[in-house]
Amino acid sequence: MGKIKGLRWYMIALVTMGTILGYLTRNTIAAAAPTLMQELHISTQQYSYIIAAYSACYTIMQPVAGYALDVLGTKVGYAFFAVAWAIFCGATALAGSWGGLAIARGAVGAAEAAMIPAGLKASSEWFPAKERSIAVGYFNVGSSIGGMIAPPLVVWAIVMHSWQMAFIISGVLSFAWAMCWLIFYKHPRDQKRLSEEEREYIIGGQEAHHQTNNSKKMSAWKILQNRQFWGIALPRFLAEPAWGTFNAWIPLFMFKAYGFDLKHIAMFAWMPMLFADLGCIVGGYLPPLFQRVFGVNLIVSRKLVVTMGAILMIAPGTIGLFTSPYVAIALLCVGGFAHQSLSGALITLSSDVFGRNEVATANGLTGMAAWTASTLFALVVGALADTLGFSPLFAALAVFDILGAIVIWTVLQNKPISELNDSQKPKQALA
């Protein structure tokens, strides 16, 4: 059987496609929001309940999905969750009220909770440490590509057929991808098309806690008690409301604040997601650059990316100072770039800090913290957007990210848990 050169990049491309389709199913509701609100007589607050239902189920299922992936393995675990979200997305077409939409979107959120932990686990299996942030940047780019595709695809489906068709199309595409994942994804040790040279490059370049299949696995309770966990979880808690707002509220913000119709939403709502794509990619290449330029270690280089993104998030925070919708779109583009740069670094930190047997569980738990904040902020937006307006809410997002950058420097130590534990052993022995 012939060997495929650079097979790890084909694997991450497969992961990226899954993320694209996952976020397409997620963002379909946002792009269809103006039509849904008119046809089903949904208020802004009821729409926030639909978004919160997705976020709450996603939040609850994050640690469950992470644990399931560590137990079932990346291949089988991810396929199971992908099939589930495809079915639930298509079933959204059956909803006839905001309550039905909330139930359907909650089910989608529960299934999609595996998406990021699975992508991170696949990246930790297929890439050496020095390339992992690049790999995560590429698969994370799928989140904004999915958000970028959603507005024109949904508008086309509505114009050509109905809003129901948009959800059916998204579900069918996700199901097809899940079948491809089952067929093509394999762990590097089982992939016969992988050359021995590349296999050695991947495994030899991984940290010790990823090279060995240590049977000792940290329990969820032990992870929660660890300072390193909170050094990642708290910044994710503070950062995620921004991404939740970008995904769920930009089309409705443009509709309410500037009177954009479906045509203008299709023309402009995808632009912040394009810049978010750039943020994913650039953010992935920055840690190795910072390591070379500043001579810092892997974890510090991630912290620098988070700090850069937090500072850039000040731009969308000033959106209330301008009246032009085009300036607003430009500021949201900066925000999309900023958030996805720092988000990729935060997600990757779980694989830098935790070992291979608990990386998906740890990422699921940090994701739970992140999505708890996203759920709560969606309810805040729904309660205040019609009275207070969107501008103060965007300003709050900038403040949250600055606080997150401060937390990551003060709480997260600059070594993986395995090294911290090793450094503590002599002290414990002496005691």
Protein backbone atom coordinates (compact mmCIF):
# COMPACT_ATOMS: atom_id res chain seq x y z
CA MET A 1 0.00 0.00 0.00
CA GLY A 2 1.42 3.37 -1.05
CA LYS A 3 2.45 5.91 1.57
CA ILE A 4 0.98 9.41 1.55
CA LYS A 5 3.43 12.22 2.21
CA GLY A 6 2.33 14.73 4.84
CA LEU A 7 -0.65 12.58 5.86
CA ARG A 8 -1.09 14.51 9.13
CA TRP A 9 -2.26 17.53 7.11
CA TYR A 10 -4.91 15.45 5.35
CA MET A 11 -6.12 14.28 8.75
CA ILE A 12 -6.42 17.83 10.07
CA ALA A 13 -8.23 18.79 6.86
CA LEU A 14 -10.77 16.06 7.64
CA VAL A 15 -11.15 17.44 11.18
CA THR A 16 -11.54 20.96 9.76
CA MET A 17 -14.35 19.84 7.48
CA GLY A 18 -16.19 18.43 10.47
CA THR A 19 -15.82 21.74 12.31
CA ILE A 20 -17.08 23.64 9.25
CA LEU A 21 -20.22 21.52 9.07
CA GLY A 22 -20.74 21.59 12.83
CA TYR A 23 -20.67 25.38 12.85
CA LEU A 24 -22.82 25.53 9.73
CA THR A 25 -25.54 23.62 11.60
CA ARG A 26 -25.01 25.88 14.60
CA ASN A 27 -25.10 29.18 12.70
CA THR A 28 -28.07 28.26 10.52
CA ILE A 29 -30.39 29.47 13.28
CA ALA A 30 -28.64 32.87 13.46
CA ALA A 31 -28.81 33.47 9.70
CA ALA A 32 -32.47 32.45 9.63
CA ALA A 33 -33.36 34.50 12.74
CA PRO A 34 -35.06 37.48 11.03
CA THR A 35 -37.25 35.14 8.97
CA LEU A 36 -38.03 32.86 11.92
CA MET A 37 -38.99 35.81 14.12
CA GLN A 38 -41.40 37.11 11.50
CA GLU A 39 -42.97 33.79 10.42
CA LEU A 40 -43.20 32.19 13.88
CA HIS A 41 -43.82 35.48 15.77
CA ILE A 42 -40.75 35.12 17.99
CA SER A 43 -39.61 38.01 20.21
CA THR A 44 -35.96 38.94 20.87
CA GLN A 45 -36.17 37.46 24.36
CA GLN A 46 -37.69 34.21 23.05
CA TYR A 47 -34.90 34.04 20.48
CA SER A 48 -32.40 34.36 23.36
CA TYR A 49 -34.07 31.35 25.00
CA ILE A 50 -33.47 29.33 21.82
CA ILE A 51 -29.78 30.34 21.83
CA ALA A 52 -29.53 29.67 25.56
CA ALA A 53 -31.05 26.20 25.10
CA TYR A 54 -28.31 25.34 22.62
CA SER A 55 -25.62 26.81 24.88
CA ALA A 56 -26.93 25.19 28.06
CA CYS A 57 -27.05 21.69 26.52
CA TYR A 58 -23.64 22.23 24.95
CA THR A 59 -22.35 23.32 28.37
CA ILE A 60 -23.74 20.33 30.25
CA MET A 61 -22.48 17.86 27.66
CA GLN A 62 -18.93 19.25 27.33
CA PRO A 63 -17.38 17.11 30.10
CA VAL A 64 -19.58 14.14 29.18
CA ALA A 65 -18.51 14.33 25.54
CA GLY A 66 -14.86 14.78 26.51
CA TYR A 67 -14.99 11.71 28.77
CA ALA A 68 -16.80 9.68 26.08
CA LEU A 69 -14.08 10.58 23.56
CA ASP A 70 -11.32 9.48 25.95
CA VAL A 71 -13.16 6.18 26.53
CA LEU A 72 -14.43 5.41 23.00
CA GLY A 73 -11.50 6.91 21.14
CA THR A 74 -11.44 9.75 18.65
CA LYS A 75 -12.71 7.80 15.63
CA VAL A 76 -15.82 6.12 17.05
CA GLY A 77 -16.64 8.83 19.59
CA TYR A 78 -16.60 11.72 17.13
CA ALA A 79 -18.62 9.80 14.53
CA PHE A 80 -21.33 9.00 17.08
CA PHE A 81 -21.78 12.63 18.08
CA ALA A 82 -21.62 13.89 14.48
CA VAL A 83 -24.41 11.55 13.36
CA ALA A 84 -26.50 12.73 16.30
CA TRP A 85 -26.12 16.43 15.53
CA ALA A 86 -26.86 15.82 11.85
CA ILE A 87 -30.16 14.11 12.72
CA PHE A 88 -31.15 16.75 15.28
CA CYS A 89 -30.32 19.60 12.89
CA GLY A 90 -32.54 18.14 10.17
CA ALA A 91 -35.29 17.61 12.75
CA THR A 92 -35.25 21.36 13.51
CA ALA A 93 -37.30 21.76 10.31
CA LEU A 94 -40.24 20.17 12.16
CA ALA A 95 -40.42 22.96 14.76
CA GLY A 96 -43.42 25.30 14.63
CA SER A 97 -42.76 27.58 17.62
CA TRP A 98 -39.92 29.05 19.63
CA GLY A 99 -40.34 26.20 22.12
CA GLY A 100 -39.92 23.57 19.42
CA LEU A 101 -36.88 25.39 18.09
CA ALA A 102 -35.39 25.53 21.60
CA ILE A 103 -35.82 21.76 22.07
CA ALA A 104 -34.31 20.97 18.67
CA ARG A 105 -31.39 23.37 19.10
CA GLY A 106 -30.75 22.04 22.60
CA ALA A 107 -30.39 18.56 21.14
CA VAL A 108 -27.99 19.88 18.47
CA GLY A 109 -25.95 21.63 21.16
CA ALA A 110 -25.69 18.47 23.24
CA ALA A 111 -24.33 16.50 20.28
CA GLU A 112 -21.99 19.24 19.06
CA ALA A 113 -20.32 19.43 22.48
CA ALA A 114 -17.87 16.78 21.22
CA MET A 115 -16.66 18.89 18.29
CA ILE A 116 -13.81 20.89 19.86
CA PRO A 117 -12.61 18.18 22.31
CA ALA A 118 -12.52 15.71 19.39
CA GLY A 119 -10.59 18.14 17.20
CA LEU A 120 -8.10 18.81 19.96
CA LYS A 121 -7.68 15.09 20.69
CA ALA A 122 -7.09 14.37 17.00
CA SER A 123 -4.53 17.20 16.86
CA SER A 124 -2.70 15.83 19.89
CA GLU A 125 -2.61 12.38 18.23
CA TRP A 126 -1.43 13.52 14.82
CA PHE A 127 0.93 16.46 15.47
CA PRO A 128 4.17 17.10 17.35
CA ALA A 129 4.04 19.81 20.02
CA LYS A 130 5.69 22.48 17.88
CA GLU A 131 3.01 22.14 15.17
CA ARG A 132 0.00 21.58 17.39
CA SER A 133 -1.07 25.23 17.60
CA ILE A 134 -0.95 25.38 13.79
CA ALA A 135 -3.11 22.25 13.56
CA VAL A 136 -5.59 23.63 16.09
CA GLY A 137 -5.63 26.91 14.18
CA TYR A 138 -6.55 25.08 10.98
CA PHE A 139 -9.32 22.95 12.48
CA ASN A 140 -10.59 25.93 14.49
CA VAL A 141 -10.81 27.91 11.24
CA GLY A 142 -13.72 25.62 10.43
CA SER A 143 -15.79 27.35 13.11
CA SER A 144 -15.65 30.65 11.29
CA ILE A 145 -15.87 29.13 7.81
CA GLY A 146 -19.09 27.46 8.90
CA GLY A 147 -20.32 30.80 10.20
CA MET A 148 -19.25 32.47 6.96
CA ILE A 149 -21.08 29.95 4.76
CA ALA A 150 -24.30 30.04 6.78
CA PRO A 151 -25.71 33.49 5.81
CA PRO A 152 -25.58 33.08 1.99
CA LEU A 153 -26.58 29.38 2.13
CA VAL A 154 -29.52 30.02 4.47
CA VAL A 155 -30.74 33.04 2.53
CA TRP A 156 -30.53 31.01 -0.70
CA ALA A 157 -32.53 28.16 0.89
CA ILE A 158 -35.17 30.59 2.19
CA VAL A 159 -35.52 32.37 -1.14
CA MET A 160 -35.57 29.16 -3.18
CA HIS A 161 -37.67 27.05 -0.83
CA SER A 162 -38.11 27.74 2.91
CA TRP A 163 -36.24 28.17 6.19
CA GLN A 164 -36.88 24.49 6.89
CA MET A 165 -34.79 23.52 3.87
CA ALA A 166 -31.74 25.32 5.34
CA PHE A 167 -31.74 22.99 8.36
CA ILE A 168 -32.29 19.89 6.22
CA ILE A 169 -29.36 20.75 3.95
CA SER A 170 -27.05 21.36 6.93
CA GLY A 171 -28.06 18.04 8.51
CA VAL A 172 -27.53 16.01 5.35
CA LEU A 173 -24.05 17.48 4.82
CA SER A 174 -23.03 16.70 8.40
CA PHE A 175 -24.26 13.11 8.10
CA ALA A 176 -22.23 12.61 4.92
CA TRP A 177 -19.12 13.91 6.68
CA ALA A 178 -19.64 11.54 9.63
CA MET A 179 -19.56 8.58 7.22
CA CYS A 180 -16.32 9.87 5.69
CA TRP A 181 -14.81 10.25 9.17
CA LEU A 182 -15.57 6.62 10.00
CA ILE A 183 -13.98 5.46 6.78
CA PHE A 184 -10.81 7.57 6.71
CA TYR A 185 -9.77 8.53 10.24
CA LYS A 186 -7.28 6.31 12.05
CA HIS A 187 -4.79 6.85 14.86
CA PRO A 188 -1.18 7.25 13.56
CA ARG A 189 -0.22 3.85 15.01
CA ASP A 190 -2.97 2.18 12.93
CA GLN A 191 -2.62 4.20 9.72
CA LYS A 192 -0.93 2.03 7.09
CA ARG A 193 -0.63 4.92 4.64
CA LEU A 194 1.60 6.82 7.09
CA SER A 195 5.32 6.60 6.36
CA GLU A 196 7.63 5.49 9.17
CA GLU A 197 9.53 8.76 8.83
CA GLU A 198 6.43 10.86 9.42
CA ARG A 199 5.25 8.56 12.22
CA GLU A 200 8.55 9.04 14.00
CA TYR A 201 8.39 12.82 13.39
CA ILE A 202 4.91 12.98 14.97
CA ILE A 203 5.54 10.74 17.96
CA GLY A 204 9.12 11.88 18.57
CA GLY A 205 8.01 15.51 18.61
CA GLN A 206 5.30 15.00 21.23
CA GLU A 207 5.72 15.71 24.92
CA ALA A 208 6.26 12.73 27.22
CA HIS A 209 2.68 12.88 28.47
CA HIS A 210 1.45 12.35 24.90
CA GLN A 211 4.01 9.76 23.79
CA THR A 212 3.16 7.12 26.36
CA ASN A 213 -0.20 5.47 26.84
CA ASN A 214 -0.05 5.77 30.61
CA SER A 215 -2.90 3.82 32.18
CA LYS A 216 -3.11 6.36 35.01
CA LYS A 217 -5.81 8.85 34.17
CA MET A 218 -6.70 11.91 36.19
CA SER A 219 -10.30 11.83 37.34
CA ALA A 220 -12.57 14.75 36.56
CA TRP A 221 -12.52 15.65 40.25
CA LYS A 222 -8.69 15.73 40.30
CA ILE A 223 -8.68 17.90 37.19
CA LEU A 224 -11.11 20.33 38.82
CA GLN A 225 -8.87 20.57 41.87
CA ASN A 226 -5.84 21.49 39.77
CA ARG A 227 -4.67 25.10 39.51
CA GLN A 228 -3.64 24.60 35.88
CA PHE A 229 -7.22 23.71 34.98
CA TRP A 230 -8.53 27.00 36.38
CA GLY A 231 -5.76 28.90 34.63
CA ILE A 232 -7.40 27.80 31.36
CA ALA A 233 -11.05 27.51 32.42
CA LEU A 234 -11.43 31.04 33.81
CA PRO A 235 -10.06 32.81 30.70
CA ARG A 236 -12.30 30.60 28.54
CA PHE A 237 -15.27 31.54 30.77
CA LEU A 238 -14.51 35.22 30.16
CA ALA A 239 -13.78 34.88 26.43
CA GLU A 240 -16.57 32.63 25.16
CA PRO A 241 -19.47 35.15 25.42
CA ALA A 242 -17.82 37.07 22.58
CA TRP A 243 -17.86 34.08 20.23
CA GLY A 244 -21.40 33.18 21.25
CA THR A 245 -22.48 36.73 20.44
CA PHE A 246 -20.68 36.75 17.09
CA ASN A 247 -22.27 33.46 16.05
CA ALA A 248 -25.82 34.00 17.28
CA TRP A 249 -26.45 37.72 17.21
CA ILE A 250 -24.64 39.51 14.34
CA PRO A 251 -27.41 38.99 11.72
CA LEU A 252 -30.06 40.11 14.21
CA PHE A 253 -27.88 43.03 15.35
CA MET A 254 -27.58 44.20 11.74
CA PHE A 255 -31.31 43.74 11.23
CA LYS A 256 -32.33 45.66 14.35
CA ALA A 257 -29.61 48.33 14.54
CA TYR A 258 -29.28 49.17 10.85
CA GLY A 259 -32.41 47.76 9.22
CA PHE A 260 -30.53 45.25 7.05
CA ASP A 261 -32.77 42.96 5.00
CA LEU A 262 -31.98 39.37 3.95
CA LYS A 263 -29.98 40.55 0.95
CA HIS A 264 -27.71 42.79 3.04
CA ILE A 265 -27.33 40.14 5.72
CA ALA A 266 -26.18 37.68 3.04
CA MET A 267 -23.76 40.32 1.73
CA PHE A 268 -22.17 41.39 5.02
CA ALA A 269 -22.85 38.96 7.90
CA TRP A 270 -20.14 36.55 6.72
CA MET A 271 -17.33 39.14 6.78
CA PRO A 272 -16.46 38.97 10.51
CA MET A 273 -16.23 35.21 10.08
CA LEU A 274 -13.73 35.61 7.23
CA PHE A 275 -11.48 37.62 9.54
CA ALA A 276 -12.08 35.04 12.24
CA ASP A 277 -10.65 32.49 9.77
CA LEU A 278 -7.53 34.64 9.46
CA GLY A 279 -7.34 34.84 13.24
CA CYS A 280 -7.39 31.05 13.52
CA ILE A 281 -4.56 30.64 11.05
CA VAL A 282 -2.39 33.57 12.16
CA GLY A 283 -2.98 32.68 15.81
CA GLY A 284 -1.73 29.17 15.11
CA TYR A 285 1.57 30.40 13.64
CA LEU A 286 2.24 33.02 16.33
CA PRO A 287 3.29 30.73 19.24
CA PRO A 288 6.28 29.22 17.34
CA LEU A 289 7.18 32.75 16.20
CA PHE A 290 7.04 34.10 19.75
CA GLN A 291 9.18 31.18 20.92
CA ARG A 292 11.88 32.03 18.39
CA VAL A 293 11.76 35.81 18.81
CA PHE A 294 11.34 36.07 22.59
CA GLY A 295 12.92 32.78 23.66
CA VAL A 296 9.88 31.78 25.72
CA ASN A 297 8.49 28.29 26.28
CA LEU A 298 5.38 26.81 24.70
CA ILE A 299 2.88 27.84 27.38
CA VAL A 300 4.17 31.42 27.62
CA SER A 301 3.89 31.75 23.84
CA ARG A 302 0.19 30.84 24.09
CA LYS A 303 -0.27 33.44 26.82
CA LEU A 304 1.19 36.11 24.52
CA VAL A 305 -1.34 35.21 21.80
CA VAL A 306 -4.20 35.44 24.30
CA THR A 307 -2.96 38.87 25.40
CA MET A 308 -2.71 40.15 21.83
CA GLY A 309 -6.25 38.98 21.06
CA ALA A 310 -7.63 40.56 24.24
CA ILE A 311 -6.14 43.93 23.34
CA LEU A 312 -7.58 43.78 19.81
CA MET A 313 -11.03 42.97 21.26
CA ILE A 314 -11.17 46.59 22.41
CA ALA A 315 -12.08 47.49 18.79
CA PRO A 316 -15.58 45.92 18.74
CA GLY A 317 -16.01 47.22 22.27
CA THR A 318 -16.09 50.75 20.82
CA ILE A 319 -18.86 49.95 18.31
CA GLY A 320 -21.28 52.29 20.07
CA LEU A 321 -19.09 55.31 19.25
CA PHE A 322 -19.89 55.05 15.53
CA THR A 323 -23.11 55.35 13.55
CA SER A 324 -22.01 53.88 10.22
CA PRO A 325 -22.99 50.22 9.68
CA TYR A 326 -19.86 49.75 7.59
CA VAL A 327 -17.63 50.90 10.45
CA ALA A 328 -19.54 48.50 12.69
CA ILE A 329 -18.85 45.63 10.29
CA ALA A 330 -15.15 46.60 10.17
CA LEU A 331 -14.92 46.60 13.98
CA LEU A 332 -16.67 43.24 14.13
CA CYS A 333 -14.10 41.94 11.62
CA VAL A 334 -11.29 42.99 13.99
CA GLY A 335 -13.19 41.29 16.79
CA GLY A 336 -13.56 38.08 14.82
CA PHE A 337 -9.81 38.02 14.13
CA ALA A 338 -9.00 38.82 17.76
CA HIS A 339 -11.27 36.28 19.35
CA GLN A 340 -10.29 33.34 17.19
CA SER A 341 -6.60 34.11 17.68
CA LEU A 342 -6.93 33.93 21.45
CA SER A 343 -9.49 31.12 21.35
CA GLY A 344 -7.15 28.81 19.47
CA ALA A 345 -4.41 29.44 22.04
CA LEU A 346 -6.77 28.76 24.94
CA ILE A 347 -8.07 25.54 23.40
CA THR A 348 -4.55 24.29 22.61
CA LEU A 349 -3.38 24.92 26.18
CA SER A 350 -5.37 21.88 27.35
CA SER A 351 -3.14 19.61 25.27
CA ASP A 352 -0.02 21.45 26.45
CA VAL A 353 -0.92 21.04 30.11
CA PHE A 354 -2.74 17.68 30.32
CA GLY A 355 -1.70 14.18 29.25
CA ARG A 356 -3.16 12.13 26.40
CA ASN A 357 -5.50 10.13 28.64
CA GLU A 358 -7.29 13.16 30.06
CA VAL A 359 -6.87 15.85 27.39
CA ALA A 360 -10.41 15.51 26.00
CA THR A 361 -11.92 15.35 29.50
CA ALA A 362 -9.97 18.44 30.58
CA ASN A 363 -10.94 20.28 27.41
CA GLY A 364 -14.56 19.30 27.91
CA LEU A 365 -14.48 20.73 31.43
CA THR A 366 -12.88 24.00 30.32
CA GLY A 367 -15.45 24.08 27.54
CA MET A 368 -18.18 23.66 30.12
CA ALA A 369 -16.89 26.75 31.91
CA ALA A 370 -16.77 28.66 28.63
CA TRP A 371 -20.26 27.72 27.56
CA THR A 372 -21.76 28.45 30.96
CA ALA A 373 -20.72 32.05 30.39
CA SER A 374 -22.00 31.99 26.80
CA THR A 375 -25.39 30.71 27.97
CA LEU A 376 -25.73 33.37 30.64
CA PHE A 377 -24.65 36.16 28.29
CA ALA A 378 -27.16 35.05 25.64
CA LEU A 379 -29.92 35.55 28.21
CA VAL A 380 -28.50 38.96 29.11
CA VAL A 381 -28.49 40.01 25.45
CA GLY A 382 -32.06 38.82 25.03
CA ALA A 383 -33.20 40.77 28.09
CA LEU A 384 -31.36 44.02 27.36
CA ALA A 385 -30.82 44.33 23.59
CA ASP A 386 -34.22 45.90 22.85
CA THR A 387 -33.98 48.40 25.72
CA LEU A 388 -30.30 49.06 26.36
CA GLY A 389 -29.07 48.34 22.84
CA PHE A 390 -26.17 46.22 21.64
CA SER A 391 -23.35 48.77 22.14
CA PRO A 392 -22.87 48.37 25.94
CA LEU A 393 -22.94 44.60 25.48
CA PHE A 394 -20.08 44.72 22.98
CA ALA A 395 -18.14 46.94 25.40
CA ALA A 396 -18.63 44.35 28.14
CA LEU A 397 -17.13 41.65 25.89
CA ALA A 398 -13.92 43.68 25.53
CA VAL A 399 -13.65 44.04 29.31
CA PHE A 400 -14.16 40.30 29.78
CA ASP A 401 -11.28 39.45 27.44
CA ILE A 402 -8.89 41.88 29.14
CA LEU A 403 -9.75 40.28 32.49
CA GLY A 404 -9.15 36.84 30.94
CA ALA A 405 -5.66 37.87 29.84
CA ILE A 406 -4.88 39.05 33.37
CA VAL A 407 -6.10 35.75 34.83
CA ILE A 408 -4.05 33.58 32.51
CA TRP A 409 -0.83 35.37 33.52
CA THR A 410 -1.56 35.19 37.24
CA VAL A 411 -3.05 31.68 37.60
CA LEU A 412 -1.62 29.42 34.87
CA GLN A 413 1.89 28.16 35.59
CA ASN A 414 4.34 27.77 32.72
CA LYS A 415 4.77 23.98 32.86
CA PRO A 416 2.57 20.95 32.07
CA ILE A 417 1.12 19.08 35.04
CA SER A 418 3.50 16.15 34.58
CA GLU A 419 6.55 18.42 35.04
CA LEU A 420 4.99 20.23 37.97
CA ASN A 421 4.28 16.89 39.66
CA ASP A 422 7.83 15.67 39.02
CA SER A 423 9.30 18.85 40.50
CA GLN A 424 7.21 18.36 43.64
CA LYS A 425 8.20 14.73 44.25
CA PRO A 426 11.61 15.41 45.91
CA LYS A 427 10.00 17.95 48.24
CA GLN A 428 7.37 15.42 49.24
CA ALA A 429 10.00 12.73 49.78
CA LEU A 430 12.06 15.03 52.02
CA ALA A 431 8.95 15.89 53.99
